[in-house]
Amino acid sequence: MRVAGVDGCPGGWVAVVLDDDGPYGLVTRSFAGVLDAIGDCACVAVDMPIGLPASGLGRAADREARAMLGRAGARVFPTPSRQALAAPDYAAARAVEPSLSAQSFALGAKILEVDASGPPPGVVEVHPDLAFAVLAGAPLSSKKRWNGAMARLAILSAHGIVVPSPLVGGDAGIDDAIDAAACALVARLHVGGRTRALGDPSVGVIWAPQG
């Protein structure tokens, strides 16, 4: 069985693929390119919103994920509305959606890449911090700190996943590669029926490991 996890990175997109030959990683410039590169998978889990709200009221999936993360809930950025993402700059987007954060707007180009892809069947949305929190029993420290990164790698290792090195086709931050590996783990759990859905399917669902 082949599954994959995908996350955005400064150079484009990083993917970790799990199959019978072991994990391998790659980097591509576009989301469409990463889907082409990984080929047929039973599931592809991506750390990017799938489904945009019509207004600035946001998505139930994001609110539920933040509630589950508790004190670390700010790691889940509210998904911008389609109208806000169509704005030419952040100031114009804030005029449409006053509560829109700079972090959420900065993800706009990648969110729209995923949105433009459909996405294809078998592609699901995952939030790595939520996945790690469920698997660890509590939110972990920042993935950009040594202890947080090592704790994440230990959880992946406990599930038989080693973050592959090198990454074919480019470079990515260790935090992006770890997040892609976490997405791949959730993709594998999802195929095995061991995930739960957060949110409203009509707007967007985040899949998380069963607690």
N, C-alpha and C. Protein backbone atom coordinates (compact mmCIF):
# COMPACT_ATOMS: atom_id res chain seq x y z
N MET A 1 0.84 -1.19 0.00
CA MET A 1 0.00 0.00 0.00
C MET A 1 0.88 1.25 0.00
N ARG A 2 0.57 2.16 -0.85
CA ARG A 2 1.34 3.40 -0.93
C ARG A 2 0.47 4.57 -0.47
N VAL A 3 1.02 5.38 0.43
CA VAL A 3 0.37 6.60 0.87
C VAL A 3 1.41 7.71 0.87
N ALA A 4 0.95 8.95 0.97
CA ALA A 4 1.89 10.07 0.96
C ALA A 4 1.38 11.19 1.84
N GLY A 5 2.32 11.96 2.37
CA GLY A 5 2.02 13.17 3.11
C GLY A 5 2.70 14.34 2.43
N VAL A 6 2.02 15.47 2.38
CA VAL A 6 2.53 16.64 1.66
C VAL A 6 2.40 17.88 2.53
N ASP A 7 3.43 18.72 2.48
CA ASP A 7 3.39 20.00 3.21
C ASP A 7 4.03 21.07 2.33
N GLY A 8 3.59 22.29 2.51
CA GLY A 8 4.23 23.40 1.82
C GLY A 8 5.59 23.69 2.41
N CYS A 9 6.50 24.17 1.59
CA CYS A 9 7.84 24.56 2.06
C CYS A 9 8.28 25.77 1.23
N PRO A 10 9.32 26.47 1.65
CA PRO A 10 9.72 27.68 0.92
C PRO A 10 9.97 27.45 -0.57
N GLY A 11 10.47 26.27 -0.94
CA GLY A 11 10.74 26.01 -2.35
C GLY A 11 9.57 25.46 -3.12
N GLY A 12 8.45 25.25 -2.46
CA GLY A 12 7.28 24.69 -3.13
C GLY A 12 6.54 23.74 -2.22
N TRP A 13 6.72 22.43 -2.47
CA TRP A 13 6.01 21.40 -1.71
C TRP A 13 6.94 20.22 -1.43
N VAL A 14 6.88 19.71 -0.21
CA VAL A 14 7.67 18.54 0.15
C VAL A 14 6.73 17.38 0.42
N ALA A 15 7.08 16.20 -0.06
CA ALA A 15 6.26 15.00 0.11
C ALA A 15 7.10 13.89 0.72
N VAL A 16 6.47 13.12 1.58
CA VAL A 16 7.04 11.87 2.09
C VAL A 16 6.10 10.75 1.67
N VAL A 17 6.65 9.79 0.96
CA VAL A 17 5.87 8.67 0.44
C VAL A 17 6.23 7.41 1.22
N LEU A 18 5.21 6.68 1.65
CA LEU A 18 5.41 5.40 2.34
C LEU A 18 4.90 4.29 1.45
N ASP A 19 5.78 3.35 1.13
CA ASP A 19 5.34 2.18 0.38
C ASP A 19 6.13 0.96 0.84
N ASP A 20 5.99 -0.15 0.15
CA ASP A 20 6.62 -1.40 0.59
C ASP A 20 8.14 -1.34 0.55
N ASP A 21 8.70 -0.40 -0.21
CA ASP A 21 10.15 -0.27 -0.29
C ASP A 21 10.72 0.69 0.75
N GLY A 22 9.85 1.23 1.60
CA GLY A 22 10.30 2.17 2.61
C GLY A 22 10.00 3.60 2.22
N PRO A 23 10.23 4.56 3.13
CA PRO A 23 9.89 5.95 2.84
C PRO A 23 10.89 6.61 1.90
N TYR A 24 10.38 7.52 1.10
CA TYR A 24 11.27 8.39 0.33
C TYR A 24 10.63 9.77 0.25
N GLY A 25 11.45 10.78 0.04
CA GLY A 25 10.97 12.16 0.03
C GLY A 25 11.36 12.89 -1.23
N LEU A 26 10.55 13.88 -1.57
CA LEU A 26 10.84 14.69 -2.75
C LEU A 26 10.29 16.09 -2.57
N VAL A 27 10.80 17.01 -3.35
CA VAL A 27 10.37 18.41 -3.34
C VAL A 27 10.04 18.82 -4.76
N THR A 28 8.90 19.48 -4.95
CA THR A 28 8.53 20.01 -6.26
C THR A 28 8.10 21.46 -6.12
N ARG A 29 8.00 22.14 -7.24
CA ARG A 29 7.64 23.55 -7.21
C ARG A 29 6.14 23.77 -7.04
N SER A 30 5.31 22.84 -7.52
CA SER A 30 3.86 23.05 -7.50
C SER A 30 3.14 21.87 -6.87
N PHE A 31 1.91 22.11 -6.43
CA PHE A 31 1.11 21.03 -5.85
C PHE A 31 0.73 20.02 -6.92
N ALA A 32 0.39 20.52 -8.10
CA ALA A 32 0.09 19.60 -9.21
C ALA A 32 1.31 18.74 -9.52
N GLY A 33 2.49 19.35 -9.44
CA GLY A 33 3.72 18.61 -9.72
C GLY A 33 3.98 17.53 -8.69
N VAL A 34 3.67 17.81 -7.43
CA VAL A 34 3.92 16.80 -6.40
C VAL A 34 2.95 15.63 -6.56
N LEU A 35 1.70 15.91 -6.96
CA LEU A 35 0.75 14.82 -7.19
C LEU A 35 1.20 13.95 -8.36
N ASP A 36 1.73 14.58 -9.40
CA ASP A 36 2.25 13.81 -10.53
C ASP A 36 3.45 12.97 -10.11
N ALA A 37 4.32 13.55 -9.29
CA ALA A 37 5.56 12.88 -8.91
C ALA A 37 5.33 11.68 -8.01
N ILE A 38 4.34 11.74 -7.13
CA ILE A 38 4.16 10.64 -6.19
C ILE A 38 3.34 9.50 -6.80
N GLY A 39 2.64 9.76 -7.89
CA GLY A 39 1.91 8.69 -8.56
C GLY A 39 0.69 8.23 -7.79
N ASP A 40 0.23 7.04 -8.12
CA ASP A 40 -0.99 6.49 -7.51
C ASP A 40 -0.76 6.16 -6.04
N CYS A 41 -1.64 6.68 -5.19
CA CYS A 41 -1.57 6.41 -3.76
C CYS A 41 -2.97 6.07 -3.25
N ALA A 42 -3.01 5.24 -2.22
CA ALA A 42 -4.30 4.94 -1.60
C ALA A 42 -4.86 6.16 -0.90
N CYS A 43 -3.97 7.04 -0.43
CA CYS A 43 -4.38 8.29 0.23
C CYS A 43 -3.21 9.26 0.19
N VAL A 44 -3.52 10.53 -0.03
CA VAL A 44 -2.54 11.61 0.07
C VAL A 44 -3.08 12.60 1.10
N ALA A 45 -2.34 12.84 2.17
CA ALA A 45 -2.75 13.78 3.22
C ALA A 45 -1.90 15.04 3.09
N VAL A 46 -2.56 16.19 3.06
CA VAL A 46 -1.86 17.45 2.85
C VAL A 46 -2.14 18.42 3.99
N ASP A 47 -1.10 19.09 4.42
CA ASP A 47 -1.22 20.10 5.47
C ASP A 47 -1.56 21.44 4.82
N MET A 48 -2.78 21.55 4.35
CA MET A 48 -3.27 22.78 3.73
C MET A 48 -4.79 22.68 3.67
N PRO A 49 -5.48 23.79 3.87
CA PRO A 49 -6.94 23.73 3.86
C PRO A 49 -7.49 23.19 2.54
N ILE A 50 -8.48 22.33 2.65
CA ILE A 50 -9.24 21.84 1.50
C ILE A 50 -10.69 22.24 1.76
N GLY A 51 -11.16 23.22 1.02
CA GLY A 51 -12.50 23.75 1.25
C GLY A 51 -12.40 25.14 1.86
N LEU A 52 -12.88 26.15 1.13
CA LEU A 52 -12.79 27.54 1.58
C LEU A 52 -14.16 28.05 2.02
N PRO A 53 -14.22 28.74 3.18
CA PRO A 53 -15.50 29.29 3.62
C PRO A 53 -15.94 30.43 2.71
N ALA A 54 -17.23 30.62 2.62
CA ALA A 54 -17.76 31.70 1.77
C ALA A 54 -17.58 33.06 2.41
N SER A 55 -17.43 33.10 3.73
CA SER A 55 -17.29 34.36 4.45
C SER A 55 -16.20 34.24 5.49
N GLY A 56 -15.99 35.33 6.23
CA GLY A 56 -14.96 35.35 7.26
C GLY A 56 -15.36 34.65 8.54
N LEU A 57 -16.47 33.96 8.55
CA LEU A 57 -16.89 33.24 9.75
C LEU A 57 -16.03 32.00 10.00
N GLY A 58 -15.24 31.59 9.01
CA GLY A 58 -14.32 30.49 9.19
C GLY A 58 -14.97 29.13 9.03
N ARG A 59 -14.21 28.09 9.42
CA ARG A 59 -14.66 26.71 9.28
C ARG A 59 -14.76 26.03 10.63
N ALA A 60 -15.75 25.17 10.77
CA ALA A 60 -15.89 24.41 12.01
C ALA A 60 -14.67 23.53 12.25
N ALA A 61 -14.06 23.01 11.16
CA ALA A 61 -12.88 22.14 11.31
C ALA A 61 -11.75 22.85 12.03
N ASP A 62 -11.51 24.11 11.67
CA ASP A 62 -10.43 24.86 12.31
C ASP A 62 -10.75 25.12 13.78
N ARG A 63 -12.00 25.48 14.05
CA ARG A 63 -12.39 25.75 15.45
C ARG A 63 -12.26 24.49 16.30
N GLU A 64 -12.68 23.35 15.78
CA GLU A 64 -12.59 22.10 16.53
C GLU A 64 -11.12 21.70 16.75
N ALA A 65 -10.29 21.91 15.73
CA ALA A 65 -8.86 21.58 15.87
C ALA A 65 -8.21 22.46 16.92
N ARG A 66 -8.52 23.75 16.92
CA ARG A 66 -7.96 24.65 17.92
C ARG A 66 -8.41 24.25 19.33
N ALA A 67 -9.67 23.87 19.46
CA ALA A 67 -10.17 23.46 20.77
C ALA A 67 -9.45 22.21 21.26
N MET A 68 -9.18 21.26 20.37
CA MET A 68 -8.48 20.03 20.76
C MET A 68 -7.04 20.32 21.17
N LEU A 69 -6.43 21.33 20.55
CA LEU A 69 -5.04 21.66 20.87
C LEU A 69 -4.92 22.52 22.13
N GLY A 70 -6.02 23.08 22.59
CA GLY A 70 -5.99 23.86 23.82
C GLY A 70 -5.03 25.03 23.75
N ARG A 71 -4.05 25.04 24.64
CA ARG A 71 -3.10 26.16 24.72
C ARG A 71 -2.28 26.32 23.45
N ALA A 72 -2.20 25.27 22.64
CA ALA A 72 -1.45 25.36 21.38
C ALA A 72 -2.37 25.61 20.20
N GLY A 73 -3.61 26.01 20.47
CA GLY A 73 -4.59 26.18 19.41
C GLY A 73 -4.23 27.22 18.36
N ALA A 74 -3.40 28.20 18.74
CA ALA A 74 -3.01 29.24 17.78
C ALA A 74 -2.20 28.68 16.62
N ARG A 75 -1.75 27.43 16.72
CA ARG A 75 -1.00 26.83 15.61
C ARG A 75 -1.90 26.49 14.42
N VAL A 76 -3.20 26.51 14.64
CA VAL A 76 -4.15 26.28 13.55
C VAL A 76 -4.64 27.63 13.06
N PHE A 77 -4.19 28.03 11.88
CA PHE A 77 -4.60 29.32 11.34
C PHE A 77 -6.01 29.22 10.78
N PRO A 78 -6.87 30.20 11.07
CA PRO A 78 -8.20 30.19 10.46
C PRO A 78 -8.10 30.24 8.94
N THR A 79 -8.90 29.44 8.25
CA THR A 79 -8.86 29.41 6.79
C THR A 79 -9.52 30.66 6.22
N PRO A 80 -8.83 31.42 5.37
CA PRO A 80 -9.42 32.63 4.79
C PRO A 80 -10.58 32.29 3.86
N SER A 81 -11.48 33.24 3.70
CA SER A 81 -12.57 33.06 2.74
C SER A 81 -12.03 33.19 1.32
N ARG A 82 -12.77 32.64 0.40
CA ARG A 82 -12.38 32.74 -1.01
C ARG A 82 -12.29 34.20 -1.46
N GLN A 83 -13.21 35.02 -0.99
CA GLN A 83 -13.22 36.44 -1.36
C GLN A 83 -11.97 37.15 -0.85
N ALA A 84 -11.54 36.83 0.38
CA ALA A 84 -10.34 37.46 0.92
C ALA A 84 -9.10 37.04 0.15
N LEU A 85 -9.03 35.77 -0.24
CA LEU A 85 -7.86 35.29 -0.98
C LEU A 85 -7.79 35.88 -2.39
N ALA A 86 -8.91 36.36 -2.90
CA ALA A 86 -8.92 36.98 -4.22
C ALA A 86 -8.40 38.41 -4.18
N ALA A 87 -8.22 38.97 -3.00
CA ALA A 87 -7.76 40.36 -2.87
C ALA A 87 -6.31 40.49 -3.33
N PRO A 88 -5.93 41.64 -3.88
CA PRO A 88 -4.57 41.80 -4.42
C PRO A 88 -3.48 41.92 -3.37
N ASP A 89 -3.82 42.32 -2.15
CA ASP A 89 -2.81 42.45 -1.09
C ASP A 89 -3.48 42.28 0.27
N TYR A 90 -2.65 42.27 1.30
CA TYR A 90 -3.16 41.99 2.65
C TYR A 90 -4.13 43.08 3.11
N ALA A 91 -3.81 44.33 2.81
CA ALA A 91 -4.69 45.42 3.22
C ALA A 91 -6.08 45.27 2.60
N ALA A 92 -6.10 44.92 1.33
CA ALA A 92 -7.38 44.72 0.66
C ALA A 92 -8.11 43.51 1.22
N ALA A 93 -7.35 42.47 1.55
CA ALA A 93 -7.96 41.27 2.13
C ALA A 93 -8.56 41.59 3.49
N ARG A 94 -7.87 42.43 4.29
CA ARG A 94 -8.39 42.80 5.60
C ARG A 94 -9.66 43.64 5.48
N ALA A 95 -9.78 44.40 4.38
CA ALA A 95 -11.00 45.17 4.17
C ALA A 95 -12.19 44.23 3.96
N VAL A 96 -11.91 43.06 3.37
CA VAL A 96 -12.96 42.05 3.15
C VAL A 96 -13.20 41.25 4.42
N GLU A 97 -12.11 40.91 5.10
CA GLU A 97 -12.18 40.03 6.27
C GLU A 97 -11.29 40.63 7.36
N PRO A 98 -11.84 41.54 8.19
CA PRO A 98 -11.03 42.29 9.15
C PRO A 98 -10.23 41.44 10.13
N SER A 99 -10.70 40.23 10.43
CA SER A 99 -10.00 39.39 11.40
C SER A 99 -8.89 38.55 10.77
N LEU A 100 -8.70 38.66 9.48
CA LEU A 100 -7.72 37.82 8.78
C LEU A 100 -6.30 38.09 9.27
N SER A 101 -5.59 37.04 9.64
CA SER A 101 -4.21 37.19 10.10
C SER A 101 -3.25 37.23 8.92
N ALA A 102 -2.09 37.82 9.16
CA ALA A 102 -1.07 37.88 8.12
C ALA A 102 -0.59 36.48 7.75
N GLN A 103 -0.51 35.58 8.76
CA GLN A 103 -0.07 34.21 8.50
C GLN A 103 -1.03 33.48 7.58
N SER A 104 -2.32 33.65 7.83
CA SER A 104 -3.32 33.00 6.99
C SER A 104 -3.27 33.53 5.56
N PHE A 105 -3.12 34.84 5.43
CA PHE A 105 -3.09 35.42 4.08
C PHE A 105 -1.82 34.99 3.34
N ALA A 106 -0.71 34.85 4.09
CA ALA A 106 0.55 34.45 3.45
C ALA A 106 0.46 33.06 2.85
N LEU A 107 -0.43 32.23 3.37
CA LEU A 107 -0.62 30.88 2.82
C LEU A 107 -1.51 30.87 1.59
N GLY A 108 -2.04 32.05 1.23
CA GLY A 108 -3.05 32.13 0.19
C GLY A 108 -2.68 31.46 -1.13
N ALA A 109 -1.48 31.70 -1.61
CA ALA A 109 -1.09 31.13 -2.90
C ALA A 109 -1.11 29.61 -2.86
N LYS A 110 -0.62 29.03 -1.78
CA LYS A 110 -0.61 27.57 -1.67
C LYS A 110 -2.01 27.01 -1.45
N ILE A 111 -2.83 27.73 -0.67
CA ILE A 111 -4.22 27.31 -0.49
C ILE A 111 -4.93 27.26 -1.83
N LEU A 112 -4.71 28.27 -2.65
CA LEU A 112 -5.37 28.33 -3.96
C LEU A 112 -4.82 27.26 -4.91
N GLU A 113 -3.55 26.90 -4.74
CA GLU A 113 -3.01 25.79 -5.55
C GLU A 113 -3.77 24.49 -5.28
N VAL A 114 -3.98 24.21 -4.00
CA VAL A 114 -4.72 23.00 -3.63
C VAL A 114 -6.16 23.11 -4.10
N ASP A 115 -6.74 24.28 -3.91
CA ASP A 115 -8.13 24.50 -4.33
C ASP A 115 -8.30 24.30 -5.83
N ALA A 116 -7.33 24.76 -6.60
CA ALA A 116 -7.42 24.65 -8.06
C ALA A 116 -7.33 23.21 -8.53
N SER A 117 -6.73 22.34 -7.69
CA SER A 117 -6.57 20.94 -8.10
C SER A 117 -7.84 20.13 -7.93
N GLY A 118 -8.80 20.66 -7.23
CA GLY A 118 -10.06 19.93 -7.05
C GLY A 118 -10.45 19.73 -5.62
N PRO A 119 -9.62 19.08 -4.78
CA PRO A 119 -8.47 18.24 -5.14
C PRO A 119 -8.94 16.88 -5.63
N PRO A 120 -8.06 16.08 -6.18
CA PRO A 120 -8.47 14.76 -6.68
C PRO A 120 -8.99 13.86 -5.56
N PRO A 121 -9.76 12.84 -5.90
CA PRO A 121 -10.20 11.87 -4.89
C PRO A 121 -9.01 11.24 -4.18
N GLY A 122 -9.18 11.00 -2.90
CA GLY A 122 -8.10 10.39 -2.13
C GLY A 122 -7.16 11.37 -1.49
N VAL A 123 -7.36 12.68 -1.73
CA VAL A 123 -6.55 13.71 -1.09
C VAL A 123 -7.34 14.28 0.08
N VAL A 124 -6.75 14.24 1.28
CA VAL A 124 -7.44 14.67 2.48
C VAL A 124 -6.60 15.71 3.22
N GLU A 125 -7.27 16.49 4.05
CA GLU A 125 -6.60 17.54 4.82
C GLU A 125 -6.22 17.02 6.20
N VAL A 126 -5.00 17.37 6.61
CA VAL A 126 -4.47 16.96 7.91
C VAL A 126 -3.76 18.15 8.54
N HIS A 127 -3.76 18.22 9.87
CA HIS A 127 -2.96 19.24 10.56
C HIS A 127 -1.93 18.50 11.41
N PRO A 128 -0.64 18.58 11.05
CA PRO A 128 0.38 17.80 11.76
C PRO A 128 0.44 18.04 13.25
N ASP A 129 0.33 19.30 13.71
CA ASP A 129 0.39 19.56 15.15
C ASP A 129 -0.73 18.84 15.88
N LEU A 130 -1.91 18.83 15.28
CA LEU A 130 -3.03 18.12 15.88
C LEU A 130 -2.75 16.62 15.91
N ALA A 131 -2.24 16.09 14.80
CA ALA A 131 -1.93 14.66 14.75
C ALA A 131 -0.93 14.27 15.83
N PHE A 132 0.15 15.05 15.96
CA PHE A 132 1.16 14.73 16.97
C PHE A 132 0.57 14.85 18.38
N ALA A 133 -0.28 15.85 18.62
CA ALA A 133 -0.87 16.02 19.94
C ALA A 133 -1.74 14.83 20.31
N VAL A 134 -2.52 14.33 19.35
CA VAL A 134 -3.37 13.17 19.63
C VAL A 134 -2.51 11.94 19.92
N LEU A 135 -1.48 11.74 19.11
CA LEU A 135 -0.63 10.57 19.28
C LEU A 135 0.20 10.63 20.57
N ALA A 136 0.58 11.85 20.98
CA ALA A 136 1.40 12.00 22.20
C ALA A 136 0.55 12.12 23.45
N GLY A 137 -0.72 12.44 23.29
CA GLY A 137 -1.59 12.64 24.44
C GLY A 137 -1.63 14.06 24.94
N ALA A 138 -0.85 14.95 24.30
CA ALA A 138 -0.81 16.36 24.67
C ALA A 138 -0.03 17.11 23.59
N PRO A 139 -0.28 18.43 23.43
CA PRO A 139 0.49 19.19 22.44
C PRO A 139 1.98 19.16 22.74
N LEU A 140 2.78 19.09 21.68
CA LEU A 140 4.23 19.10 21.83
C LEU A 140 4.76 20.53 21.79
N SER A 141 5.99 20.72 22.25
CA SER A 141 6.60 22.04 22.15
C SER A 141 6.86 22.36 20.68
N SER A 142 7.22 23.59 20.40
CA SER A 142 7.36 24.07 19.03
C SER A 142 8.24 23.15 18.18
N LYS A 143 7.80 22.91 16.96
CA LYS A 143 8.56 22.06 16.04
C LYS A 143 9.86 22.72 15.60
N LYS A 144 9.99 24.03 15.86
CA LYS A 144 11.21 24.74 15.46
C LYS A 144 12.27 24.70 16.56
N ARG A 145 11.93 24.07 17.69
CA ARG A 145 12.89 23.89 18.77
C ARG A 145 13.38 22.44 18.81
N TRP A 146 14.58 22.24 19.36
CA TRP A 146 15.21 20.92 19.35
C TRP A 146 14.32 19.87 20.01
N ASN A 147 13.83 20.17 21.22
CA ASN A 147 13.02 19.18 21.93
C ASN A 147 11.75 18.85 21.16
N GLY A 148 11.12 19.87 20.57
CA GLY A 148 9.90 19.64 19.80
C GLY A 148 10.15 18.81 18.56
N ALA A 149 11.23 19.10 17.86
CA ALA A 149 11.56 18.33 16.66
C ALA A 149 11.90 16.88 17.02
N MET A 150 12.69 16.68 18.09
CA MET A 150 13.08 15.33 18.49
C MET A 150 11.87 14.52 18.96
N ALA A 151 10.95 15.16 19.67
CA ALA A 151 9.75 14.46 20.13
C ALA A 151 8.91 14.00 18.94
N ARG A 152 8.84 14.82 17.92
CA ARG A 152 8.08 14.45 16.71
C ARG A 152 8.75 13.28 15.99
N LEU A 153 10.07 13.34 15.87
CA LEU A 153 10.80 12.25 15.22
C LEU A 153 10.64 10.94 15.99
N ALA A 154 10.59 11.03 17.31
CA ALA A 154 10.42 9.83 18.13
C ALA A 154 9.04 9.21 17.91
N ILE A 155 8.01 10.04 17.78
CA ILE A 155 6.66 9.52 17.53
C ILE A 155 6.61 8.86 16.16
N LEU A 156 7.20 9.51 15.17
CA LEU A 156 7.24 8.90 13.83
C LEU A 156 7.97 7.57 13.86
N SER A 157 9.10 7.53 14.56
CA SER A 157 9.89 6.30 14.64
C SER A 157 9.09 5.18 15.32
N ALA A 158 8.31 5.54 16.34
CA ALA A 158 7.50 4.54 17.05
C ALA A 158 6.45 3.93 16.13
N HIS A 159 6.10 4.66 15.07
CA HIS A 159 5.14 4.16 14.08
C HIS A 159 5.85 3.63 12.83
N GLY A 160 7.16 3.40 12.96
CA GLY A 160 7.90 2.81 11.86
C GLY A 160 8.26 3.74 10.73
N ILE A 161 8.28 5.05 11.00
CA ILE A 161 8.56 6.02 9.94
C ILE A 161 9.84 6.79 10.26
N VAL A 162 10.78 6.75 9.36
CA VAL A 162 12.00 7.55 9.44
C VAL A 162 11.93 8.61 8.35
N VAL A 163 12.13 9.86 8.73
CA VAL A 163 12.08 10.93 7.72
C VAL A 163 13.22 10.71 6.74
N PRO A 164 12.90 10.57 5.46
CA PRO A 164 13.94 10.22 4.48
C PRO A 164 14.91 11.36 4.19
N SER A 165 16.13 10.99 3.88
CA SER A 165 17.15 11.94 3.49
C SER A 165 18.07 11.26 2.48
N PRO A 166 18.44 11.94 1.41
CA PRO A 166 18.06 13.31 1.06
C PRO A 166 16.68 13.36 0.42
N LEU A 167 16.19 14.58 0.21
CA LEU A 167 14.93 14.79 -0.49
C LEU A 167 15.22 14.99 -1.98
N VAL A 168 14.61 14.17 -2.81
CA VAL A 168 14.86 14.24 -4.25
C VAL A 168 14.28 15.54 -4.81
N GLY A 169 15.08 16.23 -5.61
CA GLY A 169 14.56 17.39 -6.33
C GLY A 169 14.68 18.71 -5.63
N GLY A 170 15.19 18.73 -4.42
CA GLY A 170 15.32 20.02 -3.75
C GLY A 170 15.52 19.86 -2.26
N ASP A 171 15.39 20.97 -1.55
CA ASP A 171 15.63 21.01 -0.12
C ASP A 171 14.38 21.54 0.57
N ALA A 172 14.27 21.27 1.86
CA ALA A 172 13.15 21.77 2.65
C ALA A 172 13.60 21.83 4.10
N GLY A 173 12.93 22.67 4.88
CA GLY A 173 13.25 22.74 6.30
C GLY A 173 12.92 21.44 7.00
N ILE A 174 13.66 21.15 8.07
CA ILE A 174 13.40 19.90 8.79
C ILE A 174 11.97 19.87 9.32
N ASP A 175 11.44 21.04 9.73
CA ASP A 175 10.08 21.08 10.25
C ASP A 175 9.07 20.74 9.16
N ASP A 176 9.32 21.20 7.92
CA ASP A 176 8.42 20.89 6.81
C ASP A 176 8.46 19.39 6.48
N ALA A 177 9.66 18.82 6.49
CA ALA A 177 9.79 17.39 6.19
C ALA A 177 9.13 16.54 7.28
N ILE A 178 9.29 16.96 8.54
CA ILE A 178 8.64 16.24 9.64
C ILE A 178 7.12 16.32 9.51
N ASP A 179 6.61 17.50 9.16
CA ASP A 179 5.16 17.66 8.99
C ASP A 179 4.65 16.79 7.84
N ALA A 180 5.41 16.72 6.75
CA ALA A 180 5.01 15.86 5.63
C ALA A 180 4.97 14.40 6.07
N ALA A 181 5.95 13.99 6.88
CA ALA A 181 5.97 12.61 7.38
C ALA A 181 4.77 12.35 8.29
N ALA A 182 4.40 13.34 9.10
CA ALA A 182 3.22 13.20 9.96
C ALA A 182 1.96 13.04 9.11
N CYS A 183 1.88 13.81 8.04
CA CYS A 183 0.74 13.68 7.13
C CYS A 183 0.69 12.29 6.52
N ALA A 184 1.87 11.76 6.16
CA ALA A 184 1.92 10.41 5.59
C ALA A 184 1.44 9.38 6.61
N LEU A 185 1.81 9.56 7.87
CA LEU A 185 1.36 8.65 8.91
C LEU A 185 -0.17 8.70 9.03
N VAL A 186 -0.74 9.90 9.04
CA VAL A 186 -2.20 10.01 9.13
C VAL A 186 -2.86 9.41 7.89
N ALA A 187 -2.23 9.59 6.73
CA ALA A 187 -2.77 8.96 5.51
C ALA A 187 -2.85 7.45 5.67
N ARG A 188 -1.81 6.87 6.25
CA ARG A 188 -1.81 5.41 6.47
C ARG A 188 -2.88 5.00 7.48
N LEU A 189 -3.03 5.78 8.54
CA LEU A 189 -4.08 5.51 9.52
C LEU A 189 -5.46 5.67 8.90
N HIS A 190 -5.59 6.65 8.01
CA HIS A 190 -6.87 6.92 7.37
C HIS A 190 -7.30 5.73 6.50
N VAL A 191 -6.37 5.18 5.76
CA VAL A 191 -6.67 4.02 4.92
C VAL A 191 -7.09 2.85 5.80
N GLY A 192 -6.52 2.76 6.99
CA GLY A 192 -6.85 1.68 7.91
C GLY A 192 -8.09 1.95 8.75
N GLY A 193 -8.78 3.06 8.48
CA GLY A 193 -10.00 3.38 9.22
C GLY A 193 -9.76 3.83 10.65
N ARG A 194 -8.56 4.39 10.91
CA ARG A 194 -8.21 4.78 12.27
C ARG A 194 -8.06 6.29 12.43
N THR A 195 -8.93 7.04 11.74
CA THR A 195 -8.95 8.49 11.86
C THR A 195 -10.36 8.95 12.17
N ARG A 196 -10.48 10.19 12.61
CA ARG A 196 -11.77 10.81 12.85
C ARG A 196 -11.82 12.14 12.13
N ALA A 197 -13.03 12.56 11.75
CA ALA A 197 -13.22 13.79 10.99
C ALA A 197 -13.64 14.93 11.91
N LEU A 198 -13.04 16.09 11.70
CA LEU A 198 -13.43 17.30 12.41
C LEU A 198 -14.03 18.26 11.38
N GLY A 199 -15.16 18.87 11.72
CA GLY A 199 -15.71 19.90 10.87
C GLY A 199 -16.93 19.48 10.08
N ASP A 200 -17.28 20.33 9.14
CA ASP A 200 -18.47 20.18 8.31
C ASP A 200 -18.04 19.78 6.91
N PRO A 201 -18.40 18.60 6.43
CA PRO A 201 -17.97 18.14 5.11
C PRO A 201 -18.34 19.08 3.97
N SER A 202 -19.36 19.90 4.16
CA SER A 202 -19.75 20.81 3.09
C SER A 202 -18.77 21.97 2.92
N VAL A 203 -17.93 22.20 3.94
CA VAL A 203 -16.94 23.30 3.88
C VAL A 203 -15.52 22.76 3.89
N GLY A 204 -15.25 21.79 4.73
CA GLY A 204 -13.90 21.25 4.82
C GLY A 204 -13.72 20.45 6.08
N VAL A 205 -13.04 19.32 5.96
CA VAL A 205 -12.84 18.40 7.09
C VAL A 205 -11.34 18.23 7.33
N ILE A 206 -10.94 18.28 8.60
CA ILE A 206 -9.58 17.92 8.99
C ILE A 206 -9.64 16.52 9.58
N TRP A 207 -8.77 15.63 9.10
CA TRP A 207 -8.72 14.27 9.61
C TRP A 207 -7.61 14.15 10.65
N ALA A 208 -7.92 13.52 11.76
CA ALA A 208 -6.96 13.35 12.85
C ALA A 208 -6.96 11.89 13.29
N PRO A 209 -5.85 11.42 13.88
CA PRO A 209 -5.84 10.06 14.41
C PRO A 209 -6.92 9.89 15.46
N GLN A 210 -7.45 8.69 15.56
CA GLN A 210 -8.41 8.41 16.63
C GLN A 210 -7.68 8.46 17.96
N GLY A 211 -8.29 9.09 18.93
CA GLY A 211 -7.66 9.21 20.25
C GLY A 211 -7.71 7.90 21.02
